[in-house]
Amino acid sequence: MIICHCQNITDHDIHAAIDWMRASDDKTIVTPGKVYRALGKSADCGGCMPLFLSTMRSNDNTEVPMQLRNLKPAATQEEAHERRQESY
């Protein structure tokens, strides 16, 4: 099925690009921009984005790798105020 008429991208193209990216680097985070670049294309009008994203989400290889989940520690009270002193 054609997902993007402007760039002539099919659902098969999207799934193949995602599978290729995941096979070449299992720690990569798959984004729409990376999929477009892997296909040698760029987003044109953006009208296809909702369908493009739902097609990406239907692929099992778009999950964030376990090694990269929950890496950012919770913010402390000090960090919540951008480390400014109270008197500032």
N, C-alpha and C. Protein backbone atom coordinates (compact mmCIF):
# COMPACT_ATOMS: atom_id res chain seq x y z
N MET A 1 0.84 -1.17 0.00
CA MET A 1 0.00 0.00 0.00
C MET A 1 0.90 1.24 0.00
N ILE A 2 0.54 2.23 -0.79
CA ILE A 2 1.31 3.48 -0.84
C ILE A 2 0.96 4.32 0.39
N ILE A 3 1.98 4.71 1.12
CA ILE A 3 1.81 5.52 2.33
C ILE A 3 2.01 6.99 2.01
N CYS A 4 3.04 7.30 1.24
CA CYS A 4 3.36 8.68 0.89
C CYS A 4 3.33 8.81 -0.63
N HIS A 5 2.34 9.56 -1.14
CA HIS A 5 2.23 9.74 -2.59
C HIS A 5 3.30 10.71 -3.11
N CYS A 6 3.67 11.68 -2.29
CA CYS A 6 4.67 12.68 -2.74
C CYS A 6 6.02 12.02 -3.03
N GLN A 7 6.43 11.09 -2.17
CA GLN A 7 7.74 10.46 -2.30
C GLN A 7 7.65 9.01 -2.78
N ASN A 8 6.42 8.54 -3.04
CA ASN A 8 6.19 7.17 -3.51
C ASN A 8 6.80 6.14 -2.55
N ILE A 9 6.38 6.20 -1.29
CA ILE A 9 6.86 5.28 -0.26
C ILE A 9 5.72 4.33 0.11
N THR A 10 6.02 3.05 0.11
CA THR A 10 5.02 2.05 0.46
C THR A 10 5.23 1.54 1.88
N ASP A 11 4.23 0.82 2.39
CA ASP A 11 4.38 0.23 3.72
C ASP A 11 5.51 -0.78 3.74
N HIS A 12 5.71 -1.47 2.62
CA HIS A 12 6.82 -2.43 2.53
C HIS A 12 8.17 -1.70 2.65
N ASP A 13 8.28 -0.54 2.02
CA ASP A 13 9.52 0.25 2.11
C ASP A 13 9.81 0.65 3.55
N ILE A 14 8.79 1.09 4.27
CA ILE A 14 8.96 1.52 5.66
C ILE A 14 9.40 0.35 6.52
N HIS A 15 8.72 -0.80 6.38
CA HIS A 15 9.08 -1.97 7.19
C HIS A 15 10.49 -2.46 6.85
N ALA A 16 10.84 -2.44 5.57
CA ALA A 16 12.18 -2.88 5.17
C ALA A 16 13.26 -1.96 5.73
N ALA A 17 13.00 -0.64 5.72
CA ALA A 17 13.97 0.31 6.27
C ALA A 17 14.14 0.12 7.77
N ILE A 18 13.04 -0.09 8.48
CA ILE A 18 13.11 -0.31 9.93
C ILE A 18 13.87 -1.59 10.24
N ASP A 19 13.55 -2.66 9.53
CA ASP A 19 14.24 -3.94 9.75
C ASP A 19 15.73 -3.82 9.44
N TRP A 20 16.08 -3.09 8.39
CA TRP A 20 17.49 -2.89 8.02
C TRP A 20 18.22 -2.10 9.11
N MET A 21 17.58 -1.02 9.60
CA MET A 21 18.22 -0.21 10.65
C MET A 21 18.43 -1.03 11.91
N ARG A 22 17.45 -1.79 12.30
CA ARG A 22 17.56 -2.59 13.53
C ARG A 22 18.60 -3.69 13.36
N ALA A 23 18.70 -4.28 12.17
CA ALA A 23 19.69 -5.33 11.93
C ALA A 23 21.11 -4.77 11.94
N SER A 24 21.28 -3.54 11.44
CA SER A 24 22.63 -2.97 11.39
C SER A 24 23.06 -2.39 12.73
N ASP A 25 22.11 -1.94 13.56
CA ASP A 25 22.44 -1.40 14.88
C ASP A 25 21.26 -1.64 15.81
N ASP A 26 21.39 -2.64 16.67
CA ASP A 26 20.26 -3.01 17.53
C ASP A 26 19.97 -1.98 18.62
N LYS A 27 20.85 -0.98 18.79
CA LYS A 27 20.63 0.05 19.81
C LYS A 27 20.08 1.35 19.23
N THR A 28 19.83 1.39 17.93
CA THR A 28 19.33 2.62 17.32
C THR A 28 17.89 2.88 17.73
N ILE A 29 17.56 4.14 17.85
CA ILE A 29 16.17 4.53 18.09
C ILE A 29 15.60 4.93 16.74
N VAL A 30 14.57 4.24 16.32
CA VAL A 30 14.00 4.44 14.99
C VAL A 30 13.03 5.63 15.03
N THR A 31 13.29 6.61 14.19
CA THR A 31 12.44 7.80 14.07
C THR A 31 11.98 7.94 12.62
N PRO A 32 10.91 8.70 12.39
CA PRO A 32 10.49 8.92 11.00
C PRO A 32 11.59 9.53 10.14
N GLY A 33 12.34 10.46 10.70
CA GLY A 33 13.43 11.08 9.95
C GLY A 33 14.48 10.07 9.52
N LYS A 34 14.81 9.15 10.41
CA LYS A 34 15.79 8.12 10.06
C LYS A 34 15.25 7.19 8.99
N VAL A 35 13.96 6.89 9.04
CA VAL A 35 13.36 6.03 8.01
C VAL A 35 13.42 6.74 6.66
N TYR A 36 13.04 8.02 6.63
CA TYR A 36 13.13 8.77 5.37
C TYR A 36 14.56 8.78 4.84
N ARG A 37 15.53 9.05 5.72
CA ARG A 37 16.94 9.08 5.27
C ARG A 37 17.39 7.72 4.76
N ALA A 38 16.96 6.65 5.44
CA ALA A 38 17.34 5.30 4.99
C ALA A 38 16.79 5.02 3.60
N LEU A 39 15.65 5.63 3.30
CA LEU A 39 15.04 5.44 1.98
C LEU A 39 15.57 6.44 0.95
N GLY A 40 16.43 7.37 1.40
CA GLY A 40 16.97 8.37 0.49
C GLY A 40 15.96 9.43 0.10
N LYS A 41 15.00 9.68 0.98
CA LYS A 41 13.93 10.64 0.67
C LYS A 41 13.74 11.57 1.85
N SER A 42 12.86 12.54 1.69
CA SER A 42 12.54 13.44 2.80
C SER A 42 11.04 13.72 2.78
N ALA A 43 10.51 14.10 3.94
CA ALA A 43 9.09 14.42 4.02
C ALA A 43 8.82 15.65 3.17
N ASP A 44 7.71 15.64 2.46
CA ASP A 44 7.39 16.76 1.58
C ASP A 44 6.27 17.60 2.20
N CYS A 45 5.03 17.18 2.06
CA CYS A 45 3.92 18.00 2.55
C CYS A 45 3.51 17.63 3.97
N GLY A 46 3.86 16.44 4.44
CA GLY A 46 3.51 16.01 5.80
C GLY A 46 2.12 15.42 5.93
N GLY A 47 1.36 15.39 4.86
CA GLY A 47 0.02 14.83 4.91
C GLY A 47 -0.01 13.35 5.22
N CYS A 48 1.08 12.67 4.95
CA CYS A 48 1.14 11.22 5.18
C CYS A 48 1.60 10.87 6.59
N MET A 49 2.01 11.84 7.38
CA MET A 49 2.62 11.55 8.69
C MET A 49 1.76 10.66 9.59
N PRO A 50 0.45 10.90 9.75
CA PRO A 50 -0.32 10.00 10.61
C PRO A 50 -0.28 8.55 10.14
N LEU A 51 -0.43 8.33 8.84
CA LEU A 51 -0.38 6.97 8.30
C LEU A 51 1.04 6.43 8.35
N PHE A 52 2.02 7.27 8.10
CA PHE A 52 3.43 6.88 8.17
C PHE A 52 3.76 6.38 9.58
N LEU A 53 3.34 7.15 10.60
CA LEU A 53 3.61 6.77 11.99
C LEU A 53 2.87 5.50 12.39
N SER A 54 1.63 5.35 11.97
CA SER A 54 0.91 4.13 12.33
C SER A 54 1.53 2.91 11.65
N THR A 55 2.07 3.10 10.45
CA THR A 55 2.77 2.00 9.77
C THR A 55 4.05 1.65 10.52
N MET A 56 4.77 2.67 10.98
CA MET A 56 5.98 2.42 11.77
C MET A 56 5.64 1.68 13.05
N ARG A 57 4.58 2.11 13.74
CA ARG A 57 4.20 1.49 15.01
C ARG A 57 3.78 0.04 14.85
N SER A 58 3.31 -0.32 13.66
CA SER A 58 2.88 -1.70 13.44
C SER A 58 4.07 -2.66 13.29
N ASN A 59 5.28 -2.11 13.15
CA ASN A 59 6.48 -2.94 13.04
C ASN A 59 7.02 -3.24 14.44
N ASP A 60 7.34 -4.50 14.69
CA ASP A 60 7.82 -4.91 16.01
C ASP A 60 9.21 -4.38 16.33
N ASN A 61 9.96 -3.95 15.35
CA ASN A 61 11.34 -3.50 15.56
C ASN A 61 11.47 -2.03 15.95
N THR A 62 10.37 -1.33 16.21
CA THR A 62 10.47 0.09 16.56
C THR A 62 10.56 0.33 18.05
N GLU A 63 10.50 -0.70 18.85
CA GLU A 63 10.58 -0.51 20.30
C GLU A 63 11.97 -0.01 20.69
N VAL A 64 11.99 0.78 21.76
CA VAL A 64 13.27 1.27 22.29
C VAL A 64 14.00 0.08 22.91
N PRO A 65 15.27 -0.13 22.56
CA PRO A 65 16.02 -1.26 23.11
C PRO A 65 16.06 -1.23 24.63
N MET A 66 16.08 -2.40 25.25
CA MET A 66 16.08 -2.50 26.71
C MET A 66 17.25 -1.74 27.33
N GLN A 67 18.43 -1.75 26.67
CA GLN A 67 19.60 -1.07 27.22
C GLN A 67 19.39 0.44 27.31
N LEU A 68 18.48 0.99 26.52
CA LEU A 68 18.29 2.44 26.48
C LEU A 68 17.07 2.92 27.25
N ARG A 69 16.33 2.02 27.85
CA ARG A 69 15.14 2.42 28.60
C ARG A 69 15.51 2.91 29.99
N ASN A 70 14.80 3.92 30.44
CA ASN A 70 14.95 4.47 31.79
C ASN A 70 16.37 4.91 32.11
N LEU A 71 17.06 5.51 31.17
CA LEU A 71 18.43 5.95 31.41
C LEU A 71 18.51 7.24 32.22
N LYS A 72 17.54 8.11 32.05
CA LYS A 72 17.59 9.41 32.74
C LYS A 72 17.09 9.23 34.17
N PRO A 73 17.93 9.60 35.14
CA PRO A 73 17.48 9.48 36.54
C PRO A 73 16.42 10.53 36.84
N ALA A 74 15.63 10.25 37.85
CA ALA A 74 14.59 11.19 38.26
C ALA A 74 15.23 12.49 38.74
N ALA A 75 14.60 13.61 38.46
CA ALA A 75 15.13 14.92 38.86
C ALA A 75 14.97 15.12 40.36
N THR A 76 16.00 15.64 40.97
CA THR A 76 15.93 15.97 42.40
C THR A 76 15.36 17.37 42.53
N GLN A 77 15.06 17.77 43.75
CA GLN A 77 14.52 19.11 43.98
C GLN A 77 15.50 20.17 43.50
N GLU A 78 16.79 19.93 43.71
CA GLU A 78 17.81 20.89 43.29
C GLU A 78 17.82 21.05 41.77
N GLU A 79 17.71 19.94 41.05
CA GLU A 79 17.72 19.99 39.59
C GLU A 79 16.43 20.58 39.04
N ALA A 80 15.35 20.44 39.76
CA ALA A 80 14.08 20.98 39.30
C ALA A 80 14.13 22.50 39.18
N HIS A 81 15.01 23.14 39.95
CA HIS A 81 15.17 24.59 39.90
C HIS A 81 16.41 24.99 39.10
N GLU A 82 16.86 24.11 38.24
CA GLU A 82 18.00 24.36 37.37
C GLU A 82 19.25 24.78 38.14
N ARG A 83 19.39 24.26 39.34
CA ARG A 83 20.56 24.48 40.20
C ARG A 83 20.78 25.95 40.57
N ARG A 84 19.74 26.74 40.53
CA ARG A 84 19.85 28.14 40.96
C ARG A 84 19.76 28.20 42.48
N GLN A 85 20.48 29.12 43.07
CA GLN A 85 20.39 29.31 44.51
C GLN A 85 19.11 30.06 44.82
N GLU A 86 18.61 29.87 46.03
CA GLU A 86 17.36 30.53 46.41
C GLU A 86 17.49 32.05 46.38
N SER A 87 18.67 32.57 46.68
CA SER A 87 18.84 34.01 46.73
C SER A 87 18.98 34.64 45.35
N TYR A 88 19.05 33.82 44.33
CA TYR A 88 19.25 34.36 42.99
C TYR A 88 17.97 34.92 42.43
